[in-house]
Amino acid sequence: RTVLRDGKTAVSLSGQAVRDASPDKAHGPYPLVIVSHGYPGNRFLLSHLTENLASKGYVVVAIDHTDSTYEDMQAFSSTLLNRSLDQLF
């Protein structure tokens, strides 16, 4: 579940991934991809891409950026400050 660009309208997204699936530890290590959404956006914005990458053996992390989602968008200067900190975390 997430919200549309208006920051209020709830929507459900569906895909083919299995939520909370056990990782395949036998064949790793696997490459990591960090998906950083646009301004504004959210971690679900590129679900089609993240799910596809995961199906090809990547570990994919999609994060929400502080003050940069549809629900909590602030001035762009906050994104400039917080985005790299979010990614490092």
N, C-alpha and C. Protein backbone atom coordinates (compact mmCIF):
# COMPACT_ATOMS: atom_id res chain seq x y z
N ARG A 1 0.84 -1.18 0.00
CA ARG A 1 0.00 0.00 0.00
C ARG A 1 0.88 1.24 0.00
N THR A 2 0.44 2.24 -0.74
CA THR A 2 1.15 3.51 -0.80
C THR A 2 0.13 4.60 -1.14
N VAL A 3 0.60 5.78 -1.47
CA VAL A 3 -0.29 6.87 -1.86
C VAL A 3 0.11 7.40 -3.23
N LEU A 4 -0.85 8.03 -3.90
CA LEU A 4 -0.58 8.65 -5.19
C LEU A 4 0.18 9.96 -4.99
N ARG A 5 0.50 10.62 -6.09
CA ARG A 5 1.26 11.87 -6.05
C ARG A 5 0.62 12.96 -5.21
N ASP A 6 -0.70 12.88 -5.00
CA ASP A 6 -1.36 13.91 -4.18
C ASP A 6 -1.03 13.76 -2.70
N GLY A 7 -0.36 12.66 -2.32
CA GLY A 7 0.04 12.45 -0.94
C GLY A 7 -1.08 11.97 -0.04
N LYS A 8 -2.28 11.73 -0.60
CA LYS A 8 -3.44 11.37 0.22
C LYS A 8 -4.16 10.12 -0.26
N THR A 9 -4.30 9.96 -1.56
CA THR A 9 -5.09 8.87 -2.11
C THR A 9 -4.36 7.54 -1.99
N ALA A 10 -4.93 6.64 -1.19
CA ALA A 10 -4.30 5.33 -0.96
C ALA A 10 -4.51 4.42 -2.15
N VAL A 11 -3.48 3.66 -2.48
CA VAL A 11 -3.55 2.68 -3.56
C VAL A 11 -2.81 1.41 -3.13
N SER A 12 -3.17 0.32 -3.76
CA SER A 12 -2.47 -0.95 -3.53
C SER A 12 -1.73 -1.31 -4.81
N LEU A 13 -0.49 -1.71 -4.65
CA LEU A 13 0.31 -2.16 -5.78
C LEU A 13 0.43 -3.68 -5.69
N SER A 14 0.46 -4.30 -6.83
CA SER A 14 0.66 -5.75 -6.82
C SER A 14 1.80 -6.10 -7.76
N GLY A 15 2.45 -7.17 -7.45
CA GLY A 15 3.57 -7.63 -8.26
C GLY A 15 3.65 -9.13 -8.17
N GLN A 16 4.81 -9.66 -8.51
CA GLN A 16 4.98 -11.10 -8.49
C GLN A 16 5.97 -11.56 -7.43
N ALA A 17 6.58 -10.61 -6.73
CA ALA A 17 7.55 -10.96 -5.70
C ALA A 17 6.85 -11.57 -4.50
N VAL A 18 7.61 -12.33 -3.72
CA VAL A 18 7.09 -12.94 -2.50
C VAL A 18 7.57 -12.10 -1.32
N ARG A 19 6.64 -11.53 -0.60
CA ARG A 19 6.99 -10.68 0.54
C ARG A 19 7.64 -11.52 1.64
N ASP A 20 8.71 -10.99 2.22
CA ASP A 20 9.43 -11.61 3.33
C ASP A 20 9.94 -13.02 3.00
N ALA A 21 10.27 -13.25 1.75
CA ALA A 21 10.81 -14.55 1.35
C ALA A 21 12.18 -14.77 2.01
N SER A 22 12.50 -16.00 2.29
CA SER A 22 13.81 -16.33 2.85
C SER A 22 14.88 -16.14 1.77
N PRO A 23 15.99 -15.50 2.13
CA PRO A 23 17.05 -15.30 1.13
C PRO A 23 17.77 -16.59 0.79
N ASP A 24 18.27 -16.65 -0.43
CA ASP A 24 19.09 -17.79 -0.87
C ASP A 24 20.53 -17.50 -0.45
N LYS A 25 20.94 -18.08 0.63
CA LYS A 25 22.29 -17.83 1.16
C LYS A 25 23.33 -18.77 0.58
N ALA A 26 22.90 -19.76 -0.17
CA ALA A 26 23.80 -20.78 -0.68
C ALA A 26 24.65 -20.31 -1.85
N HIS A 27 24.19 -19.32 -2.59
CA HIS A 27 24.89 -18.95 -3.82
C HIS A 27 25.46 -17.54 -3.82
N GLY A 28 25.44 -16.85 -2.70
CA GLY A 28 25.90 -15.46 -2.63
C GLY A 28 27.41 -15.38 -2.66
N PRO A 29 27.99 -14.23 -2.51
CA PRO A 29 27.28 -12.98 -2.26
C PRO A 29 26.63 -12.42 -3.52
N TYR A 30 25.64 -11.57 -3.30
CA TYR A 30 24.88 -10.98 -4.40
C TYR A 30 25.16 -9.48 -4.47
N PRO A 31 25.13 -8.91 -5.66
CA PRO A 31 25.37 -7.47 -5.78
C PRO A 31 24.19 -6.68 -5.20
N LEU A 32 24.50 -5.54 -4.60
CA LEU A 32 23.50 -4.66 -3.99
C LEU A 32 23.18 -3.50 -4.91
N VAL A 33 21.89 -3.21 -5.07
CA VAL A 33 21.43 -2.04 -5.81
C VAL A 33 20.59 -1.20 -4.86
N ILE A 34 20.94 0.07 -4.69
CA ILE A 34 20.14 0.99 -3.88
C ILE A 34 19.35 1.86 -4.85
N VAL A 35 18.02 1.81 -4.74
CA VAL A 35 17.15 2.59 -5.61
C VAL A 35 16.75 3.86 -4.88
N SER A 36 17.06 4.99 -5.48
CA SER A 36 16.83 6.29 -4.89
C SER A 36 15.77 7.03 -5.73
N HIS A 37 14.58 7.17 -5.17
CA HIS A 37 13.47 7.78 -5.93
C HIS A 37 13.69 9.26 -6.19
N GLY A 38 12.91 9.79 -7.10
CA GLY A 38 12.98 11.21 -7.45
C GLY A 38 12.35 12.10 -6.40
N TYR A 39 12.31 13.39 -6.70
CA TYR A 39 11.74 14.40 -5.80
C TYR A 39 10.47 14.95 -6.40
N PRO A 40 9.34 14.81 -5.76
CA PRO A 40 9.08 13.86 -4.69
C PRO A 40 8.86 12.47 -5.26
N GLY A 41 8.74 11.52 -4.40
CA GLY A 41 8.51 10.13 -4.81
C GLY A 41 8.31 9.28 -3.58
N ASN A 42 8.55 8.00 -3.72
CA ASN A 42 8.56 7.09 -2.57
C ASN A 42 9.21 5.79 -2.99
N ARG A 43 9.43 4.92 -2.01
CA ARG A 43 10.16 3.68 -2.27
C ARG A 43 9.42 2.72 -3.18
N PHE A 44 8.13 2.96 -3.41
CA PHE A 44 7.33 2.08 -4.26
C PHE A 44 7.32 2.54 -5.72
N LEU A 45 7.83 3.73 -5.98
CA LEU A 45 7.73 4.35 -7.31
C LEU A 45 8.31 3.47 -8.42
N LEU A 46 9.38 2.79 -8.15
CA LEU A 46 10.04 1.97 -9.17
C LEU A 46 9.91 0.48 -8.86
N SER A 47 8.80 0.08 -8.26
CA SER A 47 8.60 -1.32 -7.86
C SER A 47 8.78 -2.29 -9.02
N HIS A 48 8.31 -1.90 -10.19
CA HIS A 48 8.46 -2.79 -11.35
C HIS A 48 9.93 -3.06 -11.65
N LEU A 49 10.78 -2.06 -11.49
CA LEU A 49 12.21 -2.20 -11.73
C LEU A 49 12.88 -2.99 -10.61
N THR A 50 12.57 -2.66 -9.36
CA THR A 50 13.22 -3.33 -8.24
C THR A 50 12.87 -4.82 -8.20
N GLU A 51 11.61 -5.13 -8.48
CA GLU A 51 11.20 -6.53 -8.50
C GLU A 51 11.92 -7.29 -9.62
N ASN A 52 12.06 -6.66 -10.77
CA ASN A 52 12.74 -7.30 -11.89
C ASN A 52 14.22 -7.53 -11.57
N LEU A 53 14.87 -6.54 -10.97
CA LEU A 53 16.29 -6.70 -10.60
C LEU A 53 16.46 -7.82 -9.58
N ALA A 54 15.56 -7.87 -8.59
CA ALA A 54 15.65 -8.92 -7.57
C ALA A 54 15.48 -10.30 -8.20
N SER A 55 14.63 -10.39 -9.21
CA SER A 55 14.41 -11.69 -9.85
C SER A 55 15.63 -12.16 -10.63
N LYS A 56 16.56 -11.24 -10.88
CA LYS A 56 17.78 -11.57 -11.61
C LYS A 56 18.98 -11.75 -10.69
N GLY A 57 18.74 -11.79 -9.37
CA GLY A 57 19.81 -12.09 -8.43
C GLY A 57 20.42 -10.93 -7.69
N TYR A 58 19.88 -9.74 -7.85
CA TYR A 58 20.37 -8.59 -7.11
C TYR A 58 19.64 -8.47 -5.77
N VAL A 59 20.35 -7.97 -4.78
CA VAL A 59 19.70 -7.55 -3.54
C VAL A 59 19.33 -6.10 -3.77
N VAL A 60 18.05 -5.77 -3.64
CA VAL A 60 17.56 -4.44 -3.98
C VAL A 60 16.98 -3.77 -2.73
N VAL A 61 17.43 -2.56 -2.48
CA VAL A 61 16.92 -1.78 -1.36
C VAL A 61 16.32 -0.50 -1.95
N ALA A 62 15.04 -0.28 -1.68
CA ALA A 62 14.37 0.94 -2.12
C ALA A 62 13.98 1.72 -0.86
N ILE A 63 14.44 2.94 -0.76
CA ILE A 63 14.27 3.72 0.47
C ILE A 63 13.43 4.97 0.23
N ASP A 64 12.77 5.43 1.28
CA ASP A 64 12.12 6.74 1.25
C ASP A 64 13.13 7.77 1.71
N HIS A 65 13.16 8.92 1.05
CA HIS A 65 14.08 9.99 1.44
C HIS A 65 13.37 10.99 2.33
N THR A 66 14.07 11.40 3.38
CA THR A 66 13.56 12.38 4.34
C THR A 66 13.09 13.64 3.62
N ASP A 67 11.89 14.07 3.93
CA ASP A 67 11.29 15.30 3.37
C ASP A 67 11.16 15.28 1.86
N SER A 68 11.12 14.09 1.26
CA SER A 68 11.11 14.02 -0.20
C SER A 68 10.08 13.02 -0.73
N THR A 69 9.11 12.63 0.10
CA THR A 69 8.06 11.73 -0.38
C THR A 69 6.81 12.53 -0.68
N TYR A 70 5.86 11.89 -1.35
CA TYR A 70 4.60 12.56 -1.65
C TYR A 70 3.89 13.00 -0.38
N GLU A 71 4.10 12.27 0.71
CA GLU A 71 3.40 12.56 1.95
C GLU A 71 4.07 13.61 2.82
N ASP A 72 5.38 13.78 2.69
CA ASP A 72 6.09 14.72 3.58
C ASP A 72 7.00 15.70 2.85
N MET A 73 6.69 16.00 1.60
CA MET A 73 7.56 16.85 0.78
C MET A 73 7.81 18.21 1.42
N GLN A 74 9.08 18.56 1.51
CA GLN A 74 9.52 19.85 2.01
C GLN A 74 10.32 20.55 0.91
N ALA A 75 10.96 21.65 1.25
CA ALA A 75 11.76 22.40 0.27
C ALA A 75 12.85 21.49 -0.31
N PHE A 76 13.18 21.73 -1.56
CA PHE A 76 14.18 20.92 -2.26
C PHE A 76 15.53 20.94 -1.54
N SER A 77 15.83 22.03 -0.84
CA SER A 77 17.11 22.11 -0.12
C SER A 77 17.24 20.99 0.92
N SER A 78 16.13 20.57 1.49
CA SER A 78 16.17 19.45 2.44
C SER A 78 16.58 18.16 1.74
N THR A 79 16.10 17.96 0.52
CA THR A 79 16.49 16.78 -0.25
C THR A 79 17.99 16.81 -0.54
N LEU A 80 18.50 17.97 -0.88
CA LEU A 80 19.95 18.08 -1.16
C LEU A 80 20.77 17.71 0.07
N LEU A 81 20.29 18.09 1.24
CA LEU A 81 20.99 17.78 2.47
C LEU A 81 20.83 16.31 2.88
N ASN A 82 19.60 15.81 2.83
CA ASN A 82 19.29 14.49 3.41
C ASN A 82 19.50 13.30 2.48
N ARG A 83 19.43 13.49 1.19
CA ARG A 83 19.47 12.35 0.27
C ARG A 83 20.73 11.51 0.44
N SER A 84 21.88 12.14 0.46
CA SER A 84 23.12 11.36 0.60
C SER A 84 23.21 10.71 1.97
N LEU A 85 22.68 11.35 3.00
CA LEU A 85 22.66 10.75 4.34
C LEU A 85 21.75 9.52 4.36
N ASP A 86 20.61 9.62 3.70
CA ASP A 86 19.71 8.46 3.61
C ASP A 86 20.40 7.30 2.90
N GLN A 87 21.10 7.59 1.82
CA GLN A 87 21.76 6.54 1.05
C GLN A 87 22.90 5.90 1.85
N LEU A 88 23.64 6.69 2.59
CA LEU A 88 24.73 6.16 3.40
C LEU A 88 24.20 5.28 4.53
N PHE A 89 23.06 5.65 5.08
CA PHE A 89 22.45 4.87 6.16
C PHE A 89 22.12 3.47 5.67
